[in-house]
Amino acid sequence: MPKSASAPKTFEVAVSELEAIVQEMESGRLSLEDALASYQRGVNLMRFCQTTLSDAEQRVKVLEGDMLQPFAPDSSGQSSTEAGS
């Protein structure tokens, strides 16, 4: 049976609950009704996590002045930002 339907307090709590739901569903011990309720809770947690990650990405873009560069390691295995340090 899923935990309370309230929004999780943090991203980490949501991920932990998602992992528990997956384990419980993979066990095969849930009734159809409980599996559907767990799946619905999982979808809500996933949306919470996606929104939280998207918000974090936007905050980083603001902090970096929208100048984020794609990660491109050089031949030495360092990123181009590490190599210039």
PDB file of N, CA and C in Angstrom:
ATOM      1  N   MET A   1       0.841  -1.174   0.000  1.00  0.00           N
ATOM      2  CA  MET A   1       0.000   0.000   0.000  1.00  0.00           C
ATOM      3  C   MET A   1       0.884   1.235   0.000  1.00  0.00           C
ATOM      4  N   PRO A   2       0.558   2.262  -0.780  1.00  0.00           N
ATOM      5  CA  PRO A   2       1.398   3.448  -0.841  1.00  0.00           C
ATOM      6  C   PRO A   2       1.341   4.237   0.452  1.00  0.00           C
ATOM      7  N   LYS A   3       2.368   5.045   0.658  1.00  0.00           N
ATOM      8  CA  LYS A   3       2.400   5.923   1.819  1.00  0.00           C
ATOM      9  C   LYS A   3       1.410   7.058   1.585  1.00  0.00           C
ATOM     10  N   SER A   4       1.364   7.993   2.486  1.00  0.00           N
ATOM     11  CA  SER A   4       0.410   9.091   2.392  1.00  0.00           C
ATOM     12  C   SER A   4       0.541   9.799   1.053  1.00  0.00           C
ATOM     13  N   ALA A   5      -0.572  10.349   0.585  1.00  0.00           N
ATOM     14  CA  ALA A   5      -0.609  10.970  -0.735  1.00  0.00           C
ATOM     15  C   ALA A   5      -0.099  12.404  -0.714  1.00  0.00           C
ATOM     16  N   SER A   6       0.411  12.871   0.405  1.00  0.00           N
ATOM     17  CA  SER A   6       0.911  14.238   0.474  1.00  0.00           C
ATOM     18  C   SER A   6       2.204  14.374  -0.321  1.00  0.00           C
ATOM     19  N   ALA A   7       2.510  15.614  -0.664  1.00  0.00           N
ATOM     20  CA  ALA A   7       3.747  15.870  -1.403  1.00  0.00           C
ATOM     21  C   ALA A   7       4.942  15.603  -0.490  1.00  0.00           C
ATOM     22  N   PRO A   8       5.998  15.009  -1.045  1.00  0.00           N
ATOM     23  CA  PRO A   8       7.190  14.758  -0.229  1.00  0.00           C
ATOM     24  C   PRO A   8       7.850  16.069   0.172  1.00  0.00           C
ATOM     25  N   LYS A   9       8.596  16.032   1.276  1.00  0.00           N
ATOM     26  CA  LYS A   9       9.259  17.238   1.767  1.00  0.00           C
ATOM     27  C   LYS A   9      10.487  17.599   0.938  1.00  0.00           C
ATOM     28  N   THR A  10      11.178  16.588   0.419  1.00  0.00           N
ATOM     29  CA  THR A  10      12.396  16.850  -0.343  1.00  0.00           C
ATOM     30  C   THR A  10      12.495  15.895  -1.534  1.00  0.00           C
ATOM     31  N   PHE A  11      13.374  16.234  -2.450  1.00  0.00           N
ATOM     32  CA  PHE A  11      13.659  15.389  -3.607  1.00  0.00           C
ATOM     33  C   PHE A  11      14.155  14.025  -3.139  1.00  0.00           C
ATOM     34  N   GLU A  12      15.052  14.027  -2.164  1.00  0.00           N
ATOM     35  CA  GLU A  12      15.632  12.778  -1.673  1.00  0.00           C
ATOM     36  C   GLU A  12      14.581  11.864  -1.051  1.00  0.00           C
ATOM     37  N   VAL A  13      13.633  12.441  -0.330  1.00  0.00           N
ATOM     38  CA  VAL A  13      12.539  11.656   0.256  1.00  0.00           C
ATOM     39  C   VAL A  13      11.690  11.044  -0.853  1.00  0.00           C
ATOM     40  N   ALA A  14      11.424  11.819  -1.895  1.00  0.00           N
ATOM     41  CA  ALA A  14      10.627  11.328  -3.016  1.00  0.00           C
ATOM     42  C   ALA A  14      11.324  10.167  -3.720  1.00  0.00           C
ATOM     43  N   VAL A  15      12.623  10.301  -3.962  1.00  0.00           N
ATOM     44  CA  VAL A  15      13.380   9.232  -4.630  1.00  0.00           C
ATOM     45  C   VAL A  15      13.381   7.979  -3.765  1.00  0.00           C
ATOM     46  N   SER A  16      13.569   8.138  -2.475  1.00  0.00           N
ATOM     47  CA  SER A  16      13.572   7.000  -1.563  1.00  0.00           C
ATOM     48  C   SER A  16      12.218   6.284  -1.579  1.00  0.00           C
ATOM     49  N   GLU A  17      11.153   7.053  -1.555  1.00  0.00           N
ATOM     50  CA  GLU A  17       9.817   6.452  -1.591  1.00  0.00           C
ATOM     51  C   GLU A  17       9.576   5.760  -2.934  1.00  0.00           C
ATOM     52  N   LEU A  18      10.033   6.365  -4.023  1.00  0.00           N
ATOM     53  CA  LEU A  18       9.909   5.734  -5.343  1.00  0.00           C
ATOM     54  C   LEU A  18      10.631   4.396  -5.377  1.00  0.00           C
ATOM     55  N   GLU A  19      11.830   4.357  -4.822  1.00  0.00           N
ATOM     56  CA  GLU A  19      12.588   3.098  -4.787  1.00  0.00           C
ATOM     57  C   GLU A  19      11.828   2.030  -3.996  1.00  0.00           C
ATOM     58  N   ALA A  20      11.216   2.426  -2.886  1.00  0.00           N
ATOM     59  CA  ALA A  20      10.452   1.480  -2.069  1.00  0.00           C
ATOM     60  C   ALA A  20       9.228   0.974  -2.827  1.00  0.00           C
ATOM     61  N   ILE A  21       8.577   1.860  -3.555  1.00  0.00           N
ATOM     62  CA  ILE A  21       7.412   1.463  -4.349  1.00  0.00           C
ATOM     63  C   ILE A  21       7.814   0.463  -5.420  1.00  0.00           C
ATOM     64  N   VAL A  22       8.916   0.733  -6.100  1.00  0.00           N
ATOM     65  CA  VAL A  22       9.383  -0.180  -7.155  1.00  0.00           C
ATOM     66  C   VAL A  22       9.673  -1.564  -6.565  1.00  0.00           C
ATOM     67  N   GLN A  23      10.377  -1.605  -5.449  1.00  0.00           N
ATOM     68  CA  GLN A  23      10.686  -2.893  -4.814  1.00  0.00           C
ATOM     69  C   GLN A  23       9.415  -3.636  -4.434  1.00  0.00           C
ATOM     70  N   GLU A  24       8.462  -2.912  -3.875  1.00  0.00           N
ATOM     71  CA  GLU A  24       7.215  -3.534  -3.453  1.00  0.00           C
ATOM     72  C   GLU A  24       6.431  -4.071  -4.657  1.00  0.00           C
ATOM     73  N   MET A  25       6.401  -3.288  -5.732  1.00  0.00           N
ATOM     74  CA  MET A  25       5.671  -3.726  -6.923  1.00  0.00           C
ATOM     75  C   MET A  25       6.373  -4.911  -7.588  1.00  0.00           C
ATOM     76  N   GLU A  26       7.699  -4.902  -7.582  1.00  0.00           N
ATOM     77  CA  GLU A  26       8.445  -6.006  -8.187  1.00  0.00           C
ATOM     78  C   GLU A  26       8.313  -7.302  -7.386  1.00  0.00           C
ATOM     79  N   SER A  27       7.954  -7.192  -6.119  1.00  0.00           N
ATOM     80  CA  SER A  27       7.817  -8.385  -5.283  1.00  0.00           C
ATOM     81  C   SER A  27       6.644  -9.256  -5.736  1.00  0.00           C
ATOM     82  N   GLY A  28       5.670  -8.640  -6.377  1.00  0.00           N
ATOM     83  CA  GLY A  28       4.511  -9.390  -6.840  1.00  0.00           C
ATOM     84  C   GLY A  28       3.510  -9.717  -5.749  1.00  0.00           C
ATOM     85  N   ARG A  29       3.667  -9.143  -4.578  1.00  0.00           N
ATOM     86  CA  ARG A  29       2.784  -9.460  -3.460  1.00  0.00           C
ATOM     87  C   ARG A  29       1.597  -8.505  -3.329  1.00  0.00           C
ATOM     88  N   LEU A  30       1.522  -7.494  -4.177  1.00  0.00           N
ATOM     89  CA  LEU A  30       0.439  -6.520  -4.063  1.00  0.00           C
ATOM     90  C   LEU A  30      -0.806  -7.001  -4.806  1.00  0.00           C
ATOM     91  N   SER A  31      -1.957  -6.685  -4.241  1.00  0.00           N
ATOM     92  CA  SER A  31      -3.209  -6.936  -4.953  1.00  0.00           C
ATOM     93  C   SER A  31      -3.275  -5.951  -6.119  1.00  0.00           C
ATOM     94  N   LEU A  32      -4.168  -6.199  -7.042  1.00  0.00           N
ATOM     95  CA  LEU A  32      -4.313  -5.306  -8.191  1.00  0.00           C
ATOM     96  C   LEU A  32      -4.617  -3.888  -7.731  1.00  0.00           C
ATOM     97  N   GLU A  33      -5.533  -3.755  -6.789  1.00  0.00           N
ATOM     98  CA  GLU A  33      -5.909  -2.427  -6.300  1.00  0.00           C
ATOM     99  C   GLU A  33      -4.721  -1.712  -5.648  1.00  0.00           C
ATOM    100  N   ASP A  34      -3.961  -2.426  -4.826  1.00  0.00           N
ATOM    101  CA  ASP A  34      -2.788  -1.831  -4.185  1.00  0.00           C
ATOM    102  C   ASP A  34      -1.706  -1.494  -5.208  1.00  0.00           C
ATOM    103  N   ALA A  35      -1.550  -2.342  -6.216  1.00  0.00           N
ATOM    104  CA  ALA A  35      -0.565  -2.077  -7.267  1.00  0.00           C
ATOM    105  C   ALA A  35      -0.932  -0.818  -8.043  1.00  0.00           C
ATOM    106  N   LEU A  36      -2.219  -0.654  -8.345  1.00  0.00           N
ATOM    107  CA  LEU A  36      -2.662   0.555  -9.052  1.00  0.00           C
ATOM    108  C   LEU A  36      -2.464   1.804  -8.199  1.00  0.00           C
ATOM    109  N   ALA A  37      -2.767   1.701  -6.908  1.00  0.00           N
ATOM    110  CA  ALA A  37      -2.570   2.841  -6.004  1.00  0.00           C
ATOM    111  C   ALA A  37      -1.075   3.175  -5.889  1.00  0.00           C
ATOM    112  N   SER A  38      -0.241   2.151  -5.814  1.00  0.00           N
ATOM    113  CA  SER A  38       1.208   2.372  -5.743  1.00  0.00           C
ATOM    114  C   SER A  38       1.721   3.005  -7.034  1.00  0.00           C
ATOM    115  N   TYR A  39       1.218   2.528  -8.157  1.00  0.00           N
ATOM    116  CA  TYR A  39       1.624   3.084  -9.449  1.00  0.00           C
ATOM    117  C   TYR A  39       1.241   4.560  -9.529  1.00  0.00           C
ATOM    118  N   GLN A  40       0.020   4.884  -9.105  1.00  0.00           N
ATOM    119  CA  GLN A  40      -0.428   6.272  -9.130  1.00  0.00           C
ATOM    120  C   GLN A  40       0.455   7.142  -8.234  1.00  0.00           C
ATOM    121  N   ARG A  41       0.788   6.646  -7.041  1.00  0.00           N
ATOM    122  CA  ARG A  41       1.670   7.394  -6.139  1.00  0.00           C
ATOM    123  C   ARG A  41       3.040   7.580  -6.787  1.00  0.00           C
ATOM    124  N   GLY A  42       3.528   6.530  -7.436  1.00  0.00           N
ATOM    125  CA  GLY A  42       4.817   6.614  -8.115  1.00  0.00           C
ATOM    126  C   GLY A  42       4.832   7.660  -9.209  1.00  0.00           C
ATOM    127  N   VAL A  43       3.757   7.729  -9.975  1.00  0.00           N
ATOM    128  CA  VAL A  43       3.651   8.746 -11.029  1.00  0.00           C
ATOM    129  C   VAL A  43       3.688  10.141 -10.422  1.00  0.00           C
ATOM    130  N   ASN A  44       2.964  10.333  -9.324  1.00  0.00           N
ATOM    131  CA  ASN A  44       2.972  11.640  -8.658  1.00  0.00           C
ATOM    132  C   ASN A  44       4.358  11.987  -8.118  1.00  0.00           C
ATOM    133  N   LEU A  45       5.038  11.005  -7.550  1.00  0.00           N
ATOM    134  CA  LEU A  45       6.397  11.238  -7.047  1.00  0.00           C
ATOM    135  C   LEU A  45       7.354  11.556  -8.192  1.00  0.00           C
ATOM    136  N   MET A  46       7.209  10.843  -9.304  1.00  0.00           N
ATOM    137  CA  MET A  46       8.063  11.084 -10.462  1.00  0.00           C
ATOM    138  C   MET A  46       7.870  12.511 -10.981  1.00  0.00           C
ATOM    139  N   ARG A  47       6.629  12.950 -11.042  1.00  0.00           N
ATOM    140  CA  ARG A  47       6.349  14.329 -11.497  1.00  0.00           C
ATOM    141  C   ARG A  47       6.965  15.343 -10.535  1.00  0.00           C
ATOM    142  N   PHE A  48       6.858  15.068  -9.238  1.00  0.00           N
ATOM    143  CA  PHE A  48       7.478  15.943  -8.241  1.00  0.00           C
ATOM    144  C   PHE A  48       8.984  16.031  -8.483  1.00  0.00           C
ATOM    145  N   CYS A  49       9.616  14.873  -8.710  1.00  0.00           N
ATOM    146  CA  CYS A  49      11.066  14.833  -8.944  1.00  0.00           C
ATOM    147  C   CYS A  49      11.435  15.575 -10.224  1.00  0.00           C
ATOM    148  N   GLN A  50      10.675  15.371 -11.286  1.00  0.00           N
ATOM    149  CA  GLN A  50      10.961  16.051 -12.547  1.00  0.00           C
ATOM    150  C   GLN A  50      10.840  17.568 -12.385  1.00  0.00           C
ATOM    151  N   THR A  51       9.814  18.009 -11.692  1.00  0.00           N
ATOM    152  CA  THR A  51       9.628  19.445 -11.458  1.00  0.00           C
ATOM    153  C   THR A  51      10.758  20.005 -10.607  1.00  0.00           C
ATOM    154  N   THR A  52      11.142  19.270  -9.567  1.00  0.00           N
ATOM    155  CA  THR A  52      12.222  19.708  -8.693  1.00  0.00           C
ATOM    156  C   THR A  52      13.534  19.830  -9.471  1.00  0.00           C
ATOM    157  N   LEU A  53      13.831  18.840 -10.310  1.00  0.00           N
ATOM    158  CA  LEU A  53      15.054  18.883 -11.127  1.00  0.00           C
ATOM    159  C   LEU A  53      15.008  20.022 -12.140  1.00  0.00           C
ATOM    160  N   SER A  54      13.865  20.233 -12.745  1.00  0.00           N
ATOM    161  CA  SER A  54      13.723  21.327 -13.706  1.00  0.00           C
ATOM    162  C   SER A  54      13.924  22.676 -13.024  1.00  0.00           C
ATOM    163  N   ASP A  55      13.347  22.834 -11.825  1.00  0.00           N
ATOM    164  CA  ASP A  55      13.530  24.074 -11.068  1.00  0.00           C
ATOM    165  C   ASP A  55      15.005  24.278 -10.708  1.00  0.00           C
ATOM    166  N   ALA A  56      15.677  23.208 -10.315  1.00  0.00           N
ATOM    167  CA  ALA A  56      17.098  23.304  -9.973  1.00  0.00           C
ATOM    168  C   ALA A  56      17.909  23.711 -11.200  1.00  0.00           C
ATOM    169  N   GLU A  57      17.583  23.141 -12.346  1.00  0.00           N
ATOM    170  CA  GLU A  57      18.293  23.497 -13.575  1.00  0.00           C
ATOM    171  C   GLU A  57      18.104  24.976 -13.904  1.00  0.00           C
ATOM    172  N   GLN A  58      16.899  25.484 -13.722  1.00  0.00           N
ATOM    173  CA  GLN A  58      16.640  26.897 -13.978  1.00  0.00           C
ATOM    174  C   GLN A  58      17.427  27.786 -13.012  1.00  0.00           C
ATOM    175  N   ARG A  59      17.516  27.371 -11.752  1.00  0.00           N
ATOM    176  CA  ARG A  59      18.287  28.141 -10.773  1.00  0.00           C
ATOM    177  C   ARG A  59      19.765  28.184 -11.160  1.00  0.00           C
ATOM    178  N   VAL A  60      20.301  27.055 -11.622  1.00  0.00           N
ATOM    179  CA  VAL A  60      21.704  27.007 -12.042  1.00  0.00           C
ATOM    180  C   VAL A  60      21.909  27.924 -13.248  1.00  0.00           C
ATOM    181  N   LYS A  61      20.985  27.900 -14.187  1.00  0.00           N
ATOM    182  CA  LYS A  61      21.099  28.776 -15.361  1.00  0.00           C
ATOM    183  C   LYS A  61      21.132  30.239 -14.946  1.00  0.00           C
ATOM    184  N   VAL A  62      20.302  30.611 -13.981  1.00  0.00           N
ATOM    185  CA  VAL A  62      20.298  31.989 -13.492  1.00  0.00           C
ATOM    186  C   VAL A  62      21.634  32.309 -12.828  1.00  0.00           C
ATOM    187  N   LEU A  63      22.123  31.398 -11.995  1.00  0.00           N
ATOM    188  CA  LEU A  63      23.392  31.627 -11.302  1.00  0.00           C
ATOM    189  C   LEU A  63      24.560  31.721 -12.269  1.00  0.00           C
ATOM    190  N   GLU A  64      24.501  30.972 -13.358  1.00  0.00           N
ATOM    191  CA  GLU A  64      25.578  30.969 -14.346  1.00  0.00           C
ATOM    192  C   GLU A  64      25.351  32.016 -15.431  1.00  0.00           C
ATOM    193  N   GLY A  65      24.340  32.839 -15.287  1.00  0.00           N
ATOM    194  CA  GLY A  65      24.071  33.874 -16.276  1.00  0.00           C
ATOM    195  C   GLY A  65      23.647  33.281 -17.614  1.00  0.00           C
ATOM    196  N   ASP A  66      23.003  32.123 -17.577  1.00  0.00           N
ATOM    197  CA  ASP A  66      22.532  31.438 -18.780  1.00  0.00           C
ATOM    198  C   ASP A  66      23.679  31.148 -19.741  1.00  0.00           C
ATOM    199  N   MET A  67      24.877  30.912 -19.185  1.00  0.00           N
ATOM    200  CA  MET A  67      26.064  30.658 -19.998  1.00  0.00           C
ATOM    201  C   MET A  67      26.557  29.228 -19.817  1.00  0.00           C
ATOM    202  N   LEU A  68      25.682  28.299 -19.526  1.00  0.00           N
ATOM    203  CA  LEU A  68      26.097  26.911 -19.336  1.00  0.00           C
ATOM    204  C   LEU A  68      26.677  26.356 -20.626  1.00  0.00           C
ATOM    205  N   GLN A  69      27.758  25.628 -20.478  1.00  0.00           N
ATOM    206  CA  GLN A  69      28.420  25.004 -21.614  1.00  0.00           C
ATOM    207  C   GLN A  69      28.232  23.494 -21.527  1.00  0.00           C
ATOM    208  N   PRO A  70      28.085  22.819 -22.647  1.00  0.00           N
ATOM    209  CA  PRO A  70      27.994  21.363 -22.592  1.00  0.00           C
ATOM    210  C   PRO A  70      29.300  20.774 -22.069  1.00  0.00           C
ATOM    211  N   PHE A  71      29.208  19.666 -21.368  1.00  0.00           N
ATOM    212  CA  PHE A  71      30.389  18.996 -20.836  1.00  0.00           C
ATOM    213  C   PHE A  71      31.120  18.318 -21.982  1.00  0.00           C
ATOM    214  N   ALA A  72      32.398  18.622 -22.114  1.00  0.00           N
ATOM    215  CA  ALA A  72      33.206  18.014 -23.177  1.00  0.00           C
ATOM    216  C   ALA A  72      34.586  17.721 -22.613  1.00  0.00           C
ATOM    217  N   PRO A  73      34.812  16.495 -22.132  1.00  0.00           N
ATOM    218  CA  PRO A  73      36.133  16.182 -21.579  1.00  0.00           C
ATOM    219  C   PRO A  73      37.189  16.214 -22.680  1.00  0.00           C
ATOM    220  N   ASP A  74      38.376  16.696 -22.299  1.00  0.00           N
ATOM    221  CA  ASP A  74      39.458  16.684 -23.283  1.00  0.00           C
ATOM    222  C   ASP A  74      40.130  15.310 -23.260  1.00  0.00           C
ATOM    223  N   SER A  75      41.154  15.146 -24.042  1.00  0.00           N
ATOM    224  CA  SER A  75      41.787  13.834 -24.165  1.00  0.00           C
ATOM    225  C   SER A  75      42.441  13.357 -22.868  1.00  0.00           C
ATOM    226  N   SER A  76      42.731  14.259 -21.930  1.00  0.00           N
ATOM    227  CA  SER A  76      43.341  13.864 -20.660  1.00  0.00           C
ATOM    228  C   SER A  76      42.315  13.375 -19.651  1.00  0.00           C
ATOM    229  N   GLY A  77      41.018  13.466 -20.020  1.00  0.00           N
ATOM    230  CA  GLY A  77      39.980  13.018 -19.117  1.00  0.00           C
ATOM    231  C   GLY A  77      39.420  14.131 -18.249  1.00  0.00           C
ATOM    232  N   GLN A  78      39.988  15.349 -18.353  1.00  0.00           N
ATOM    233  CA  GLN A  78      39.488  16.476 -17.595  1.00  0.00           C
ATOM    234  C   GLN A  78      38.496  17.229 -18.448  1.00  0.00           C
ATOM    235  N   SER A  79      37.525  17.868 -17.785  1.00  0.00           N
ATOM    236  CA  SER A  79      36.617  18.736 -18.540  1.00  0.00           C
ATOM    237  C   SER A  79      37.404  19.981 -18.924  1.00  0.00           C
ATOM    238  N   SER A  80      36.907  20.691 -19.904  1.00  0.00           N
ATOM    239  CA  SER A  80      37.612  21.876 -20.362  1.00  0.00           C
ATOM    240  C   SER A  80      37.713  22.936 -19.275  1.00  0.00           C
ATOM    241  N   THR A  81      36.767  22.957 -18.335  1.00  0.00           N
ATOM    242  CA  THR A  81      36.849  23.910 -17.232  1.00  0.00           C
ATOM    243  C   THR A  81      37.901  23.503 -16.211  1.00  0.00           C
ATOM    244  N   GLU A  82      38.091  22.197 -16.008  1.00  0.00           N
ATOM    245  CA  GLU A  82      39.122  21.733 -15.085  1.00  0.00           C
ATOM    246  C   GLU A  82      40.509  21.952 -15.659  1.00  0.00           C
ATOM    247  N   ALA A  83      40.680  21.779 -16.954  1.00  0.00           N
ATOM    248  CA  ALA A  83      41.972  21.889 -17.590  1.00  0.00           C
ATOM    249  C   ALA A  83      42.504  23.313 -17.497  1.00  0.00           C
ATOM    250  N   GLY A  84      41.607  24.297 -17.492  1.00  0.00           N
ATOM    251  CA  GLY A  84      42.041  25.691 -17.433  1.00  0.00           C
ATOM    252  C   GLY A  84      42.346  26.157 -16.041  1.00  0.00           C
ATOM    253  N   SER A  85      42.070  25.377 -15.026  1.00  0.00           N
ATOM    254  CA  SER A  85      42.286  25.784 -13.632  1.00  0.00           C
ATOM    255  C   SER A  85      43.730  25.709 -13.250  1.00  0.00           C
TER     256      SER A  85
END
